[in-house]
Amino acid sequence: MSGLVQRFAVRAVLVVALLLACTGAGAAPRPVPGFRHAVVIVFENKPRSAVLGNRAAPAFNAFARRGAVLSGYRGVTHPSLPNYLALVSGSTHGIRSDCTSCVVKGPSLADALEAKGSTWKTYAEGLPRTGWTGPGRGRYAKKHVPFLYFSSVLANVGWRRNVVPLTQFSSRRLPDFALVVPDLCHDMHDCSVAVGDAWLRRFLPRLLKVEGTAVFVVFDEAYEPGNGVPALALGPLVKPGSRFGAPMTHYTLLRTVEDGLGLPRLGRSARVGPVTGIWKQGTAALH
């Protein structure tokens, strides 16, 4: 009789294990939840101390309290362009300047998103017209619009149409991935922290209630030792008042976007982990 009882017990354990495997019950939580949309907003050339805790940036600091501070974030290099390339492709591709006629042959997020059938756009403030590849005009600078440097984008008219003026931005019609590039004044490159902060106060609130959206507000670089920059993660998926304190760079952010959107890992993003510990528990996968 004891042998029969033991066999029934073993079968019961197997049945429970099978049910758990099929339903996902008891599974470990995802390090990064599925994103319905990922939005990255990039500002320019400020160290953490110039923004976080600065009275000239009340909006930025209010948003920090509503979301997560990525306190170990730093730029990859100098000047601007290689940081932007790293952010969307996992590599600087050997670029060491803000060149405007250079072309990169490696893959970027554009390739990964297109291969999956996902949507993407760059919204560049001051861009004269959709897909324009000129070096700059007024307060618009090509060096802050990395997708226009990749040969796969330049060779495809349809892909170039995804690089549009910021006036086309709508929180009601977000693509799966959006890169938002303020102009040279609003990104704090040529104007004060207070001016950029006021721009963020006007622009950001419409995004923070869009379901399934992860919003990252970062800076490209800082001309101070360590290259540490202010960075936030915001939106409905993020635990208010949380913090990710581990060292991270643009590669870490790229890895987080890739994991959240279910994309393959590009370049050096495969060598780093994503941003974890700031996400609301129980968030369902959306991709």
Protein backbone atom coordinates (compact mmCIF):
# COMPACT_ATOMS: atom_id res chain seq x y z
CA MET A 1 0.00 0.00 0.00
CA SER A 2 2.82 2.39 0.84
CA GLY A 3 4.28 1.92 -2.66
CA LEU A 4 0.92 2.76 -4.22
CA VAL A 5 0.63 5.91 -2.11
CA GLN A 6 4.14 6.91 -3.11
CA ARG A 7 3.34 6.50 -6.82
CA PHE A 8 0.21 8.64 -6.46
CA ALA A 9 2.25 11.29 -4.65
CA VAL A 10 4.86 11.37 -7.40
CA ARG A 11 2.14 11.68 -10.05
CA ALA A 12 0.52 14.52 -8.13
CA VAL A 13 3.80 16.41 -7.98
CA LEU A 14 4.32 15.94 -11.72
CA VAL A 15 0.82 17.17 -12.49
CA VAL A 16 1.31 20.29 -10.36
CA ALA A 17 4.68 20.98 -12.00
CA LEU A 18 3.13 20.62 -15.45
CA LEU A 19 0.32 23.02 -14.55
CA LEU A 20 2.81 25.57 -13.25
CA ALA A 21 4.87 25.31 -16.42
CA CYS A 22 1.83 25.72 -18.65
CA THR A 23 0.28 28.63 -16.78
CA GLY A 24 3.48 30.44 -15.79
CA ALA A 25 2.38 30.41 -12.13
CA GLY A 26 5.27 30.77 -9.76
CA ALA A 27 7.58 31.98 -12.52
CA ALA A 28 10.21 34.55 -11.62
CA PRO A 29 9.17 38.13 -12.45
CA ARG A 30 10.55 39.58 -15.67
CA PRO A 31 13.62 41.78 -15.05
CA VAL A 32 12.17 44.26 -17.58
CA PRO A 33 8.44 44.32 -18.35
CA GLY A 34 7.14 44.35 -21.87
CA PHE A 35 6.88 47.88 -23.25
CA ARG A 36 4.01 48.91 -25.48
CA HIS A 37 6.03 52.03 -26.29
CA ALA A 38 9.56 53.15 -25.42
CA VAL A 39 10.32 56.87 -25.65
CA VAL A 40 13.86 58.26 -25.22
CA ILE A 41 14.34 62.03 -24.83
CA VAL A 42 17.95 63.24 -25.05
CA PHE A 43 19.31 66.48 -23.59
CA GLU A 44 22.85 67.84 -23.88
CA ASN A 45 26.08 68.34 -21.98
CA LYS A 46 25.09 68.62 -18.32
CA PRO A 47 26.50 66.82 -15.27
CA ARG A 48 24.12 65.45 -12.61
CA SER A 49 24.77 68.34 -10.22
CA ALA A 50 23.65 70.89 -12.81
CA VAL A 51 20.15 69.39 -12.91
CA LEU A 52 19.37 67.01 -10.04
CA GLY A 53 18.77 69.12 -6.95
CA ASN A 54 19.19 72.36 -8.88
CA ARG A 55 16.48 74.97 -8.19
CA ALA A 56 16.73 76.02 -11.84
CA ALA A 57 15.25 72.63 -12.81
CA PRO A 58 12.03 72.30 -10.76
CA ALA A 59 10.19 70.27 -13.40
CA PHE A 60 13.04 67.80 -13.87
CA ASN A 61 13.25 67.24 -10.12
CA ALA A 62 9.47 66.89 -9.78
CA PHE A 63 9.47 64.25 -12.49
CA ALA A 64 12.34 62.50 -10.69
CA ARG A 65 10.14 62.12 -7.61
CA ARG A 66 7.35 60.66 -9.74
CA GLY A 67 9.59 58.09 -11.40
CA ALA A 68 13.04 56.54 -11.03
CA VAL A 69 16.45 58.19 -10.91
CA LEU A 70 19.16 56.32 -12.83
CA SER A 71 21.89 57.64 -10.57
CA GLY A 72 24.83 55.71 -12.05
CA TYR A 73 24.30 56.87 -15.64
CA ARG A 74 27.28 58.26 -17.57
CA GLY A 75 28.11 59.08 -21.15
CA VAL A 76 30.23 56.75 -23.24
CA THR A 77 32.69 59.25 -24.73
CA HIS A 78 32.96 62.74 -26.27
CA PRO A 79 31.69 64.56 -28.30
CA SER A 80 27.94 64.21 -28.97
CA LEU A 81 27.60 62.07 -32.08
CA PRO A 82 29.34 58.87 -30.89
CA ASN A 83 27.14 58.92 -27.77
CA TYR A 84 24.00 59.05 -29.89
CA LEU A 85 25.29 56.25 -32.13
CA ALA A 86 26.02 54.13 -29.05
CA LEU A 87 22.50 54.73 -27.77
CA VAL A 88 20.78 53.34 -30.88
CA SER A 89 23.27 50.70 -32.05
CA GLY A 90 25.53 49.54 -29.20
CA SER A 91 28.69 50.99 -30.75
CA THR A 92 30.38 54.28 -31.55
CA HIS A 93 31.56 52.69 -34.83
CA GLY A 94 34.91 54.39 -34.44
CA ILE A 95 33.39 57.86 -34.82
CA ARG A 96 35.29 60.44 -32.76
CA SER A 97 33.81 63.70 -34.01
CA ASP A 98 30.53 65.41 -34.80
CA CYS A 99 30.95 64.72 -38.51
CA THR A 100 27.93 65.36 -40.72
CA SER A 101 28.90 63.50 -43.89
CA CYS A 102 30.19 60.26 -42.34
CA VAL A 103 28.18 57.05 -42.81
CA VAL A 104 27.90 54.01 -40.50
CA LYS A 105 27.39 50.56 -42.03
CA GLY A 106 26.46 48.56 -38.94
CA PRO A 107 22.90 47.75 -37.78
CA SER A 108 20.86 49.98 -35.49
CA LEU A 109 17.53 49.84 -33.70
CA ALA A 110 15.95 50.79 -37.01
CA ASP A 111 17.05 47.47 -38.53
CA ALA A 112 15.90 45.48 -35.49
CA LEU A 113 12.51 47.20 -35.32
CA GLU A 114 11.88 46.88 -39.04
CA ALA A 115 12.84 43.18 -38.99
CA LYS A 116 10.25 42.56 -36.26
CA GLY A 117 7.58 44.59 -37.99
CA SER A 118 7.60 47.21 -35.22
CA THR A 119 7.24 50.96 -35.71
CA TRP A 120 9.75 53.71 -34.94
CA LYS A 121 10.31 57.42 -35.40
CA THR A 122 12.76 60.15 -34.53
CA TYR A 123 11.06 63.44 -33.66
CA ALA A 124 13.64 66.20 -34.17
CA GLU A 125 12.77 69.76 -33.19
CA GLY A 126 13.60 72.21 -35.98
CA LEU A 127 14.14 69.55 -38.66
CA PRO A 128 13.29 71.44 -41.88
CA ARG A 129 11.33 68.56 -43.39
CA THR A 130 10.81 64.81 -43.08
CA GLY A 131 13.91 62.76 -43.89
CA TRP A 132 16.14 65.80 -44.47
CA THR A 133 19.83 64.80 -44.29
CA GLY A 134 21.46 68.23 -44.23
CA PRO A 135 24.02 69.06 -41.51
CA GLY A 136 21.90 71.64 -39.71
CA ARG A 137 19.71 74.67 -39.95
CA GLY A 138 18.87 77.23 -37.29
CA ARG A 139 18.71 75.38 -33.98
CA TYR A 140 18.53 71.93 -35.60
CA ALA A 141 21.71 69.78 -35.71
CA LYS A 142 22.07 66.49 -37.56
CA LYS A 143 24.72 65.32 -35.06
CA HIS A 144 21.91 64.71 -32.55
CA VAL A 145 19.85 62.57 -34.95
CA PRO A 146 21.79 59.29 -35.12
CA PHE A 147 19.57 57.27 -37.47
CA LEU A 148 20.52 59.61 -40.34
CA TYR A 149 24.08 58.26 -40.18
CA PHE A 150 23.26 54.59 -40.87
CA SER A 151 23.59 53.34 -44.44
CA SER A 152 20.52 51.12 -44.15
CA VAL A 153 18.38 54.16 -43.28
CA LEU A 154 19.95 56.42 -45.89
CA ALA A 155 19.36 53.80 -48.59
CA ASN A 156 15.67 53.38 -47.80
CA VAL A 157 13.29 56.25 -48.54
CA GLY A 158 10.58 54.67 -46.39
CA TRP A 159 12.87 54.46 -43.39
CA ARG A 160 14.01 58.06 -43.82
CA ARG A 161 10.36 59.09 -43.60
CA ASN A 162 10.49 57.97 -39.97
CA VAL A 163 12.75 60.94 -39.16
CA VAL A 164 10.25 63.77 -38.78
CA PRO A 165 9.91 67.25 -37.28
CA LEU A 166 8.84 67.34 -33.64
CA THR A 167 5.64 69.10 -34.70
CA GLN A 168 4.37 65.67 -35.84
CA PHE A 169 4.63 64.20 -32.34
CA SER A 170 1.40 62.92 -30.80
CA SER A 171 1.09 60.92 -27.58
CA ARG A 172 -2.08 59.40 -29.07
CA ARG A 173 -0.20 57.88 -32.01
CA LEU A 174 3.07 56.70 -30.54
CA PRO A 175 5.26 54.25 -32.46
CA ASP A 176 6.77 51.29 -30.65
CA PHE A 177 10.03 53.23 -30.29
CA ALA A 178 10.44 57.00 -30.36
CA LEU A 179 13.59 59.10 -30.09
CA VAL A 180 12.80 62.71 -29.18
CA VAL A 181 15.48 65.32 -29.90
CA PRO A 182 14.90 68.90 -28.69
CA ASP A 183 16.63 71.71 -30.59
CA LEU A 184 19.98 73.22 -29.58
CA CYS A 185 18.32 75.64 -27.18
CA HIS A 186 15.71 73.39 -25.57
CA ASP A 187 18.21 70.54 -25.08
CA MET A 188 20.35 72.85 -22.87
CA HIS A 189 23.25 72.78 -25.35
CA ASP A 190 23.09 76.49 -26.17
CA CYS A 191 20.59 77.69 -23.56
CA SER A 192 20.25 77.45 -19.81
CA VAL A 193 19.08 74.59 -17.63
CA ALA A 194 15.99 76.65 -16.81
CA VAL A 195 15.03 76.92 -20.51
CA GLY A 196 15.39 73.18 -21.06
CA ASP A 197 13.50 72.45 -17.86
CA ALA A 198 10.60 74.62 -19.00
CA TRP A 199 10.52 72.76 -22.33
CA LEU A 200 10.36 69.41 -20.51
CA ARG A 201 7.56 70.68 -18.25
CA ARG A 202 5.49 71.48 -21.33
CA PHE A 203 6.33 68.38 -23.34
CA LEU A 204 6.44 65.46 -20.92
CA PRO A 205 3.12 65.28 -19.00
CA ARG A 206 1.15 64.06 -22.03
CA LEU A 207 3.32 60.93 -22.14
CA LEU A 208 3.20 59.88 -18.51
CA LYS A 209 -0.30 58.44 -18.63
CA VAL A 210 0.03 56.44 -21.85
CA GLU A 211 -0.50 52.81 -20.88
CA GLY A 212 2.48 50.49 -21.22
CA THR A 213 4.90 53.31 -21.99
CA ALA A 214 8.44 53.61 -20.63
CA VAL A 215 9.91 57.11 -20.95
CA PHE A 216 13.63 57.73 -20.49
CA VAL A 217 15.01 61.25 -20.09
CA VAL A 218 18.80 61.26 -20.42
CA PHE A 219 21.75 63.47 -21.34
CA ASP A 220 24.35 62.52 -23.92
CA GLU A 221 27.51 63.50 -22.02
CA ALA A 222 29.02 65.79 -19.40
CA TYR A 223 32.37 67.51 -19.58
CA GLU A 224 33.31 66.66 -16.00
CA PRO A 225 35.38 63.79 -14.56
CA GLY A 226 33.49 60.52 -14.79
CA ASN A 227 31.09 61.76 -17.49
CA GLY A 228 28.14 61.28 -15.11
CA VAL A 229 24.83 62.67 -16.41
CA PRO A 230 21.28 63.10 -15.10
CA ALA A 231 18.88 60.35 -16.18
CA LEU A 232 15.30 59.37 -15.33
CA ALA A 233 12.90 56.53 -16.10
CA LEU A 234 9.25 57.54 -16.05
CA GLY A 235 5.75 56.41 -16.94
CA PRO A 236 3.08 53.97 -15.80
CA LEU A 237 5.48 51.00 -15.63
CA VAL A 238 7.87 52.67 -13.16
CA LYS A 239 7.64 52.63 -9.36
CA PRO A 240 7.50 56.23 -8.08
CA GLY A 241 10.50 57.27 -6.01
CA SER A 242 12.63 54.29 -7.08
CA ARG A 243 16.30 54.33 -8.00
CA PHE A 244 18.72 52.30 -10.10
CA GLY A 245 22.16 53.01 -8.70
CA ALA A 246 24.36 50.57 -10.59
CA PRO A 247 26.88 51.99 -13.08
CA MET A 248 25.30 52.26 -16.53
CA THR A 249 25.78 53.90 -19.90
CA HIS A 250 23.89 54.33 -23.16
CA TYR A 251 24.54 50.63 -23.77
CA THR A 252 22.54 49.76 -20.65
CA LEU A 253 19.65 51.91 -21.80
CA LEU A 254 19.76 50.29 -25.24
CA ARG A 255 19.67 46.82 -23.62
CA THR A 256 16.65 47.88 -21.53
CA VAL A 257 14.78 49.12 -24.60
CA GLU A 258 15.64 45.93 -26.48
CA ASP A 259 14.42 43.70 -23.65
CA GLY A 260 11.25 45.76 -23.17
CA LEU A 261 10.39 45.62 -26.88
CA GLY A 262 11.54 42.04 -27.46
CA LEU A 263 14.39 42.92 -29.80
CA PRO A 264 17.79 41.26 -30.39
CA ARG A 265 20.77 42.82 -28.67
CA LEU A 266 23.02 45.08 -30.68
CA GLY A 267 26.75 45.53 -30.15
CA ARG A 268 27.84 46.17 -26.59
CA SER A 269 24.30 46.04 -25.25
CA ALA A 270 24.76 42.25 -25.23
CA ARG A 271 27.57 42.62 -22.67
CA VAL A 272 25.60 44.54 -20.06
CA GLY A 273 22.44 43.97 -18.06
CA PRO A 274 19.25 46.05 -18.29
CA VAL A 275 17.82 48.51 -15.79
CA THR A 276 16.05 46.48 -13.10
CA GLY A 277 14.35 46.97 -9.75
CA ILE A 278 12.42 50.10 -10.72
CA TRP A 279 9.49 48.40 -12.43
CA LYS A 280 6.08 47.83 -10.89
CA GLN A 281 5.57 44.18 -9.94
CA GLY A 282 3.01 42.18 -11.85
CA THR A 283 3.35 44.22 -15.03
CA ALA A 284 2.26 42.01 -17.90
CA ALA A 285 4.33 41.52 -21.03
CA LEU A 286 3.01 43.72 -23.82
CA HIS A 287 5.01 42.56 -26.84
